[in-house]
Protein backbone atom coordinates (compact mmCIF):
# COMPACT_ATOMS: atom_id res chain seq x y z
CA MET A 1 44.59 -53.85 -130.27
CA THR A 2 46.67 -56.30 -132.32
CA ASN A 3 50.23 -55.61 -133.36
CA SER A 4 49.20 -55.06 -136.98
CA THR A 5 46.42 -52.68 -135.95
CA ARG A 6 48.80 -50.80 -133.66
CA ALA A 7 51.32 -50.52 -136.50
CA LEU A 8 48.65 -49.15 -138.85
CA ALA A 9 47.54 -46.61 -136.22
CA THR A 10 51.12 -45.51 -135.64
CA LYS A 11 51.68 -45.16 -139.37
CA ALA A 12 48.47 -43.13 -139.72
CA ARG A 13 49.52 -40.77 -136.89
CA ALA A 14 52.95 -40.36 -138.46
CA SER A 15 51.42 -39.59 -141.85
CA THR A 16 49.01 -37.06 -140.29
CA SER A 17 51.75 -35.35 -138.28
CA CYS A 18 53.94 -35.17 -141.37
CA THR A 19 51.14 -33.58 -143.38
CA MET A 20 50.49 -31.02 -140.63
CA ALA A 21 54.20 -30.25 -140.47
CA VAL A 22 54.29 -29.53 -144.21
CA VAL A 23 51.22 -27.28 -144.01
CA LEU A 24 52.78 -25.39 -141.13
CA LEU A 25 56.12 -24.98 -142.90
CA THR A 26 54.39 -23.68 -146.01
CA SER A 27 52.37 -21.12 -144.04
CA LEU A 28 55.49 -19.91 -142.23
CA ALA A 29 57.42 -19.51 -145.46
CA MET A 30 54.63 -17.50 -147.06
CA THR A 31 55.11 -14.73 -144.48
CA ASP A 32 57.63 -13.22 -146.91
CA ALA A 33 56.79 -14.72 -150.26
CA SER A 34 58.82 -12.28 -152.37
CA ALA A 35 62.04 -13.10 -150.54
CA VAL A 36 61.83 -16.82 -150.01
CA THR A 37 59.78 -18.27 -152.87
CA GLN A 38 60.28 -19.30 -156.46
CA THR A 39 57.87 -19.26 -159.39
CA LYS A 40 57.11 -22.40 -161.36
CA PRO A 41 55.09 -22.50 -164.62
CA THR A 42 52.51 -25.30 -164.85
CA THR A 43 50.08 -26.38 -167.56
CA THR A 44 46.40 -26.77 -166.73
CA ALA A 45 44.10 -29.47 -168.10
CA GLN A 46 42.85 -26.94 -170.64
CA GLY A 47 46.36 -26.33 -171.94
CA ASP A 48 46.73 -22.92 -170.27
CA THR A 49 49.96 -21.93 -168.58
CA GLU A 50 49.83 -20.80 -164.98
CA VAL A 51 52.61 -19.51 -162.76
CA GLN A 52 52.59 -20.93 -159.25
CA THR A 53 54.46 -19.36 -156.38
CA GLN A 54 56.06 -21.97 -154.17
CA PRO A 55 57.87 -21.23 -150.89
CA GLN A 56 61.43 -22.53 -150.88
CA ALA A 57 62.93 -21.23 -147.66
CA ILE A 58 62.11 -19.82 -144.25
CA ALA A 59 63.67 -16.53 -143.11
CA TYR A 60 63.93 -15.97 -139.36
CA GLU A 61 63.57 -12.18 -139.72
CA THR A 62 60.14 -12.52 -141.33
CA LEU A 63 58.71 -15.12 -139.00
CA PRO A 64 55.85 -14.04 -136.68
CA PRO A 65 56.96 -13.04 -133.14
CA LEU A 66 55.56 -16.29 -131.76
CA TRP A 67 57.90 -18.43 -133.87
CA GLN A 68 60.88 -16.13 -133.39
CA THR A 69 60.45 -16.44 -129.62
CA ARG A 70 60.06 -20.21 -129.83
CA LEU A 71 63.40 -20.47 -131.60
CA LYS A 72 65.11 -18.08 -129.17
CA VAL A 73 63.81 -19.97 -126.15
CA SER A 74 64.83 -23.37 -127.52
CA CYS A 75 68.38 -22.16 -128.11
CA TYR A 76 68.58 -20.34 -124.79
CA MET A 77 67.51 -23.50 -123.04
CA PHE A 78 69.90 -25.95 -124.66
CA ASP A 79 72.93 -23.93 -125.78
CA ASN A 80 75.04 -22.53 -122.95
CA ASN A 81 72.31 -20.08 -121.85
CA ASP A 82 73.21 -17.71 -124.71
CA ARG A 83 70.11 -15.68 -125.63
CA ASP A 84 71.79 -14.43 -128.82
CA ASN A 85 72.96 -17.78 -130.11
CA THR A 86 72.36 -17.01 -133.77
CA THR A 87 74.16 -20.15 -134.88
CA CYS A 88 71.72 -22.37 -133.00
CA ILE A 89 68.71 -20.48 -134.38
CA GLN A 90 70.04 -20.58 -137.94
CA GLU A 91 70.65 -24.33 -137.77
CA LYS A 92 67.02 -24.90 -136.83
CA VAL A 93 65.74 -22.50 -139.48
CA ASP A 94 67.90 -24.28 -142.07
CA ARG A 95 66.42 -27.64 -141.10
CA LEU A 96 62.89 -26.26 -141.44
CA SER A 97 63.79 -24.72 -144.82
CA GLU A 98 65.23 -28.02 -146.05
CA ALA A 99 62.01 -29.77 -145.03
CA LEU A 100 60.05 -27.17 -146.95
CA VAL A 101 62.04 -27.82 -150.12
CA ARG A 102 61.60 -31.58 -149.69
CA ARG A 103 57.95 -31.42 -148.73
CA ASP A 104 56.69 -33.28 -151.83
CA GLU A 105 59.14 -36.15 -151.76
CA PRO A 106 57.75 -39.63 -151.04
CA ARG A 107 58.32 -40.90 -147.52
CA THR A 108 60.80 -43.76 -147.61
CA LYS A 109 62.96 -45.71 -145.19
CA GLU A 110 65.91 -43.60 -146.32
CA ASN A 111 64.37 -40.25 -145.40
CA ARG A 112 62.27 -41.43 -142.47
CA HIS A 113 64.87 -40.28 -139.92
CA PHE A 114 65.04 -36.80 -141.45
CA TRP A 115 61.28 -36.31 -141.23
CA TYR A 116 61.24 -37.66 -137.71
CA LEU A 117 63.75 -34.99 -136.70
CA VAL A 118 61.71 -32.27 -138.43
CA GLU A 119 58.47 -33.28 -136.74
CA ASP A 120 60.20 -33.60 -133.38
CA LEU A 121 61.73 -30.12 -133.79
CA ILE A 122 58.38 -28.52 -134.62
CA GLN A 123 56.55 -30.21 -131.77
CA SER A 124 59.28 -29.32 -129.27
CA LEU A 125 59.15 -25.67 -130.35
CA VAL A 126 55.38 -25.59 -129.95
CA VAL A 127 55.50 -27.23 -126.51
CA GLU A 128 58.07 -24.67 -125.31
CA LEU A 129 55.67 -21.81 -126.11
CA PRO A 130 52.22 -23.20 -127.02
CA PHE A 131 50.52 -19.87 -127.82
CA HIS A 132 51.04 -16.15 -128.08
CA PRO A 133 50.10 -14.30 -124.84
CA GLU A 134 47.75 -12.06 -126.84
CA CYS A 135 45.66 -15.10 -127.71
CA LEU A 136 44.52 -15.35 -124.09
CA ASP A 137 42.61 -12.10 -124.46
CA HIS A 138 39.99 -14.27 -126.20
CA ILE A 139 38.83 -15.76 -122.91
CA ASN A 140 37.62 -12.46 -121.42
CA LEU A 141 40.40 -12.04 -118.89
CA SER A 142 39.60 -8.37 -118.37
CA SER A 143 36.35 -9.23 -116.62
CA LEU A 144 38.44 -10.70 -113.79
CA ALA A 145 38.53 -7.13 -112.47
CA ARG A 146 34.92 -7.55 -111.37
CA SER A 147 35.11 -11.27 -110.59
CA GLU A 148 32.78 -12.00 -113.51
CA ALA A 149 35.16 -13.86 -115.84
CA ALA A 150 33.27 -15.81 -118.45
CA GLU A 151 34.70 -19.26 -119.06
CA ALA A 152 34.86 -20.31 -122.69
CA PRO A 153 34.92 -24.07 -123.28
CA SER A 154 37.72 -23.63 -125.82
CA PHE A 155 39.66 -20.98 -127.70
CA ARG A 156 41.75 -20.94 -130.87
CA CYS A 157 45.23 -19.48 -131.10
CA GLU A 158 46.65 -18.32 -134.40
CA SER A 159 50.40 -17.91 -134.87
CA ASP A 160 50.55 -14.53 -136.61
CA TYR A 161 49.95 -12.04 -133.76
CA LYS A 162 52.14 -8.97 -134.31
CA SER A 163 52.89 -8.07 -130.67
CA GLU A 164 56.46 -8.75 -129.63
CA ILE A 165 56.94 -11.36 -126.90
CA GLU A 166 59.35 -10.86 -124.02
CA ALA A 167 60.76 -14.14 -122.71
CA TYR A 168 61.91 -13.93 -119.10
CA ASP A 169 63.13 -17.52 -119.12
CA THR A 170 62.07 -20.76 -120.76
CA ARG A 171 58.67 -20.74 -119.02
CA ALA A 172 57.62 -17.11 -118.51
CA PHE A 173 56.41 -14.83 -121.31
CA LEU A 174 54.82 -11.38 -121.65
CA ALA A 175 53.31 -9.40 -124.51
CA GLU A 176 52.21 -5.77 -124.33
CA MET A 177 49.31 -4.82 -126.58
CA PRO A 178 46.02 -2.94 -126.81
CA LEU A 179 43.41 -5.16 -125.20
CA SER A 180 39.77 -5.64 -126.08
CA PRO A 181 37.44 -2.58 -126.06
CA ASN A 182 35.55 -3.85 -122.99
CA VAL A 183 38.49 -3.49 -120.58
CA PRO A 184 38.27 -0.83 -117.83
CA PHE A 185 40.87 1.36 -119.59
CA PRO A 186 40.14 0.82 -123.33
CA HIS A 187 42.56 3.47 -124.62
CA SER A 188 45.64 2.23 -122.78
CA ASN A 189 47.99 -0.59 -123.57
CA GLY A 190 47.82 -3.52 -121.22
CA TYR A 191 49.73 -6.76 -121.11
CA ILE A 192 49.26 -10.44 -120.56
CA TYR A 193 51.92 -12.44 -118.77
CA PHE A 194 51.89 -16.17 -118.30
CA ARG A 195 54.17 -18.79 -116.83
CA ILE A 196 53.98 -22.44 -117.81
CA ALA A 197 53.89 -24.05 -114.39
CA GLN A 198 53.57 -27.64 -115.54
CA ARG A 199 53.16 -29.72 -118.70
CA GLU A 200 51.54 -33.15 -118.79
CA PHE A 201 51.98 -35.38 -121.85
CA HIS A 202 49.20 -37.92 -122.45
CA PRO A 203 49.26 -41.32 -124.16
CA ASP A 204 47.08 -39.94 -126.97
CA GLN A 205 49.84 -37.34 -127.61
CA GLY A 206 47.73 -34.49 -126.32
CA VAL A 207 49.25 -32.04 -123.82
CA THR A 208 47.87 -30.41 -120.67
CA TYR A 209 49.31 -27.03 -119.64
CA TRP A 210 48.95 -25.49 -116.19
CA ILE A 211 49.31 -21.73 -116.67
CA ASP A 212 49.90 -19.02 -114.05
CA LEU A 213 48.45 -15.85 -115.56
CA ILE A 214 48.57 -12.11 -114.89
CA GLU A 215 46.43 -9.70 -116.91
CA ASN A 216 46.71 -5.91 -116.94
CA GLY A 217 43.94 -3.96 -118.63
CA GLY A 218 45.83 -0.70 -118.99
CA GLY A 219 45.55 0.54 -115.39
CA THR A 220 47.39 -0.30 -112.18
CA GLY A 221 45.68 -3.61 -111.49
CA ASN A 222 47.40 -6.91 -112.24
CA PHE A 223 44.80 -9.65 -111.99
CA ALA A 224 45.96 -13.21 -111.37
CA SER A 225 44.47 -16.58 -112.21
CA ILE A 226 45.50 -20.19 -112.81
CA TRP A 227 44.27 -22.13 -115.85
CA GLN A 228 44.35 -25.71 -117.06
CA PHE A 229 44.41 -25.98 -120.85
CA TYR A 230 44.35 -29.16 -122.91
CA GLN A 231 45.68 -29.25 -126.46
CA PRO A 232 44.41 -32.24 -128.49
CA PRO A 233 47.00 -34.21 -130.49
CA ASP A 234 45.73 -33.00 -133.86
CA GLN A 235 46.37 -29.38 -132.75
CA ARG A 236 50.02 -29.83 -131.78
CA PHE A 237 51.48 -28.13 -134.87
CA GLY A 238 51.45 -24.33 -134.73
CA ALA A 239 48.06 -22.69 -134.34
CA GLY A 240 45.43 -24.80 -132.69
CA THR A 241 42.47 -25.11 -130.37
CA PHE A 242 42.86 -25.35 -126.61
CA GLU A 243 40.20 -26.64 -124.23
CA VAL A 244 39.69 -24.83 -120.92
CA GLN A 245 39.48 -27.56 -118.28
CA HIS A 246 39.92 -25.78 -114.95
CA THR A 247 40.24 -22.24 -113.63
CA ILE A 248 41.06 -20.60 -110.31
CA TYR A 249 40.49 -16.84 -110.14
CA GLY A 250 42.59 -14.70 -107.85
CA GLY A 251 42.75 -10.98 -107.20
CA ASP A 252 44.92 -7.93 -107.77
CA ARG A 253 48.56 -7.92 -106.61
CA CYS A 254 48.62 -8.18 -102.79
CA ASP A 255 44.88 -8.92 -102.63
CA ARG A 256 45.15 -12.64 -103.48
CA GLY A 257 47.03 -11.89 -106.68
CA ARG A 258 50.51 -13.00 -107.83
CA MET A 259 49.28 -16.57 -107.92
CA GLU A 260 51.74 -19.38 -108.55
CA THR A 261 51.27 -23.10 -109.01
CA VAL A 262 53.35 -25.05 -106.48
CA GLU A 263 52.58 -28.53 -107.79
CA VAL A 264 49.90 -30.63 -109.46
CA ILE A 265 49.83 -34.24 -108.34
CA ASN A 266 47.14 -36.91 -107.85
CA ASN A 267 44.35 -34.54 -108.97
CA ARG A 268 45.40 -31.97 -106.40
CA LEU A 269 46.62 -28.49 -107.27
CA THR A 270 48.64 -26.67 -104.61
CA PHE A 271 49.07 -22.94 -105.23
CA LYS A 272 50.09 -19.78 -103.43
CA ALA A 273 48.94 -16.18 -103.66
CA ALA A 274 49.96 -12.87 -102.13
CA ILE A 275 47.69 -11.60 -99.39
CA THR A 276 47.11 -8.33 -97.54
CA PRO A 277 47.37 -7.91 -93.76
CA PHE A 278 43.57 -7.90 -93.62
CA GLY A 279 43.59 -11.16 -95.57
CA LEU A 280 46.06 -12.70 -93.14
CA LEU A 281 43.66 -12.05 -90.27
CA ASN A 282 40.75 -13.39 -92.34
CA PRO A 283 42.22 -16.23 -94.44
CA ASP A 284 38.88 -18.05 -94.69
CA GLY A 285 36.76 -14.92 -94.65
CA PRO A 286 35.59 -12.58 -97.40
CA ALA A 287 38.14 -11.72 -100.07
CA ILE A 288 37.75 -7.98 -100.54
CA ASN A 289 38.72 -6.88 -104.03
CA ARG A 290 39.52 -3.17 -104.14
CA LEU A 291 38.75 -2.41 -107.80
CA PRO A 292 34.98 -3.11 -107.85
CA MET A 293 34.67 -1.23 -104.55
CA LEU A 294 36.49 1.77 -106.00
CA LEU A 295 34.21 1.72 -109.03
CA GLU A 296 31.18 1.72 -106.73
CA ALA A 297 32.71 4.46 -104.60
CA LEU A 298 33.33 6.63 -107.67
CA GLU A 299 29.72 6.19 -108.76
CA ASN A 300 28.21 6.98 -105.36
CA SER A 301 30.54 9.55 -103.80
CA PRO A 302 29.74 13.27 -103.55
CA ALA A 303 31.00 15.41 -106.42
CA GLU A 304 33.75 16.95 -104.28
CA GLY A 305 35.89 14.27 -102.64
CA GLY A 306 34.34 11.71 -100.40
CA ILE A 307 35.73 8.64 -102.17
CA GLU A 308 37.63 7.28 -99.16
CA SER A 309 34.70 7.80 -96.80
CA THR A 310 32.41 6.03 -99.27
CA LEU A 311 34.95 3.22 -99.58
CA ARG A 312 34.98 2.78 -95.80
CA GLU A 313 31.20 2.62 -95.81
CA ILE A 314 31.27 -0.09 -98.48
CA THR A 315 33.81 -2.22 -96.62
CA SER A 316 31.88 -1.84 -93.36
CA ARG A 317 29.18 -4.04 -94.87
CA GLU A 318 31.45 -7.05 -94.47
CA GLU A 319 30.38 -9.13 -91.51
CA GLY A 320 32.18 -11.83 -89.57
CA THR A 321 35.68 -10.41 -89.90
CA PHE A 322 38.24 -10.94 -87.17
CA MET A 323 37.40 -8.64 -84.22
CA ASN A 324 34.89 -6.93 -86.57
CA TRP A 325 37.80 -4.81 -87.83
CA TYR A 326 37.31 -3.12 -91.19
CA ALA A 327 39.52 -3.50 -94.21
CA TYR A 328 41.38 -0.28 -95.10
CA SER A 329 40.23 1.84 -92.14
CA ASP A 330 41.44 -0.59 -89.43
CA VAL A 331 43.71 -3.13 -91.12
CA VAL A 332 45.70 -2.48 -94.30
CA ASN A 333 44.16 -4.06 -97.41
CA ALA A 334 46.07 -2.20 -100.16
CA ASN A 335 46.64 -4.01 -103.44
CA GLY A 336 50.06 -2.48 -104.08
CA GLY A 337 53.08 -1.84 -101.91
CA LEU A 338 54.31 -4.33 -99.35
CA CYS A 339 52.12 -7.42 -99.11
CA GLY A 340 51.19 -8.91 -95.76
CA GLY A 341 52.40 -12.34 -96.81
CA GLN A 342 51.22 -15.38 -98.69
CA ILE A 343 48.44 -17.90 -98.46
CA ILE A 344 49.05 -21.48 -99.63
CA GLN A 345 46.05 -23.61 -100.57
CA THR A 346 45.27 -26.96 -102.19
CA ARG A 347 42.33 -27.68 -104.47
CA HIS A 348 40.90 -31.09 -105.33
CA ILE A 349 40.53 -30.63 -109.08
CA PRO A 350 37.53 -32.94 -109.78
CA THR A 351 35.35 -31.47 -107.00
CA GLY A 352 36.75 -27.93 -106.63
CA GLU A 353 37.06 -28.38 -102.85
CA THR A 354 39.80 -26.04 -101.57
CA TRP A 355 41.52 -25.98 -98.20
CA LEU A 356 44.18 -23.94 -96.44
CA GLU A 357 47.66 -25.43 -96.16
CA GLU A 358 49.80 -22.62 -94.78
CA ILE A 359 49.93 -18.95 -93.81
CA ALA A 360 53.18 -17.08 -94.48
CA VAL A 361 53.72 -13.66 -92.85
CA ASN A 362 56.04 -11.16 -94.53
CA ALA A 363 59.11 -10.95 -92.29
CA HIS A 364 59.79 -7.33 -93.30
CA ILE A 365 56.41 -5.77 -92.56
CA ALA A 366 56.17 -3.10 -89.85
CA PRO A 367 53.16 -2.40 -87.57
CA GLN A 368 52.35 0.82 -89.50
CA GLN A 369 52.24 -1.25 -92.72
CA PHE A 370 50.01 -3.88 -91.15
CA PHE A 371 47.51 -1.76 -89.19
CA HIS A 372 45.90 1.46 -90.41
CA ASN A 373 44.14 2.39 -87.17
CA PRO A 374 46.73 4.05 -84.83
CA LYS A 375 45.13 2.34 -81.84
CA LEU A 376 45.77 -1.05 -83.44
CA VAL A 377 49.35 -0.08 -84.24
CA GLU A 378 49.83 0.58 -80.54
CA CYS A 379 48.22 -2.57 -79.19
CA GLY A 380 49.25 -4.94 -82.01
CA GLY A 381 52.81 -3.77 -82.68
CA ALA A 382 54.44 -6.08 -80.14
CA TRP A 383 52.35 -9.01 -81.41
CA LEU A 384 53.55 -8.46 -84.98
CA GLN A 385 57.15 -8.07 -83.85
CA SER A 386 56.94 -11.39 -82.01
CA ILE A 387 56.21 -12.95 -85.40
CA THR A 388 58.73 -11.17 -87.63
CA GLU A 389 61.62 -11.73 -85.23
CA GLN A 390 61.26 -15.49 -85.85
CA ALA A 391 62.31 -15.10 -89.50
CA ASN A 392 65.99 -16.01 -89.06
CA GLY A 393 66.82 -14.41 -92.38
CA GLU A 394 63.92 -15.97 -94.27
CA GLU A 395 61.46 -13.90 -96.31
CA PHE A 396 58.42 -15.34 -94.55
CA VAL A 397 57.46 -16.73 -91.18
CA ARG A 398 55.28 -19.77 -91.83
CA PHE A 399 52.36 -21.18 -89.82
CA ARG A 400 50.13 -24.19 -90.24
CA PRO A 401 46.42 -23.22 -90.07
CA THR A 402 45.95 -24.34 -86.45
CA GLU A 403 49.17 -22.58 -85.41
CA TRP A 404 47.99 -19.37 -87.06
CA LEU A 405 44.62 -19.48 -85.28
CA ILE A 406 46.45 -19.74 -81.95
CA LYS A 407 48.74 -16.86 -82.88
CA ARG A 408 45.79 -14.75 -83.99
CA GLU A 409 44.11 -15.28 -80.62
CA GLU A 410 47.13 -13.67 -79.01
CA LEU A 411 46.31 -10.53 -81.01
CA ARG A 412 42.72 -10.68 -79.77
CA GLY A 413 43.98 -10.68 -76.21
CA ALA A 414 46.36 -7.77 -76.85
CA CYS A 415 43.74 -5.59 -78.58
CA GLU A 416 40.52 -6.61 -76.82
CA GLY A 417 38.07 -3.70 -76.95
CA VAL A 418 40.09 -1.76 -79.54
CA GLY A 419 38.47 -1.31 -82.92
CA PRO A 420 36.18 0.78 -85.06
């Protein structure tokens, strides 16, 4: 590409971004037309007089929750950590309002710096919070409950969702709202929480977002997943289309839920997830998700009680578990409460190959919280204590995979012949 061609391309991108900025500003201002617009009579080609309503200012109070939160987060991040920094917010709103008033002026060398600042402000606000959490309900998150999530190649996020957004910090956001009718609990409010784990800015001005996600469909389950979204450069202003590029599905709370991205580097994603005691003993074995089993148990249990016995029968179908011990009846596999620990894995993004990096045992877990079978509590209690006493004040006791296999064999020796 020659210098002149590069200059023309840069000028074209600048013109396009400026146009998109004006369209966005106009749409934001029209959220409260009666308060922030003026009327202007015009004459048509036929000599008729028409009255046009033109937005002249932007009012923070009438902005959609998405844009209000973007402004709050930007000021919280850069201005002495003051969440209620109204001065900072007002300064940014005033700049956007000034750009709205000046939207029709020709672009010149004299005003080029002003428009650069406006475009930079808008893009920075969008990057801080690229979409409303409610938008993610479009990609069928609720079906994660049954491990049948349907991947959509792309989804579009508008900016006018009405649900309020709670910002925990500059990367973590939650919105409570009624979810789609196909969720397991259609008459309850659920929520979607996401954390922006990493942003990657590309030479073409597109952005990749790595998102740690938790979805609640109105019940007790909180289903975790990790997503890679790409936002093309022409979608950087306000509402836009996001491409789904990669997904890792987890489970519910302690059952391989609470997933977090550790790092993304050289096409490798390292992530961690909470895990149950049963999962600790079977880190490469079957991941037993409680919700679909409960649904099956409810459908097949006797009319009076019998759910737990049916659940034990369902879990007994699992083969190849450590010592042939059952989840729930022998080793704790509860989704809630105290988790057994964490599992840390790495995935090669292009191929999907995933391997175990580390096992972390909860330093505060007691034998009665690890084993459900009293016989296993008796024979395995000392083994578990030999692990937790190594914590030295840390939350977890960590093992490399080979170290964990050796430690697990010690449990086999202590509980040989004890089981179902």
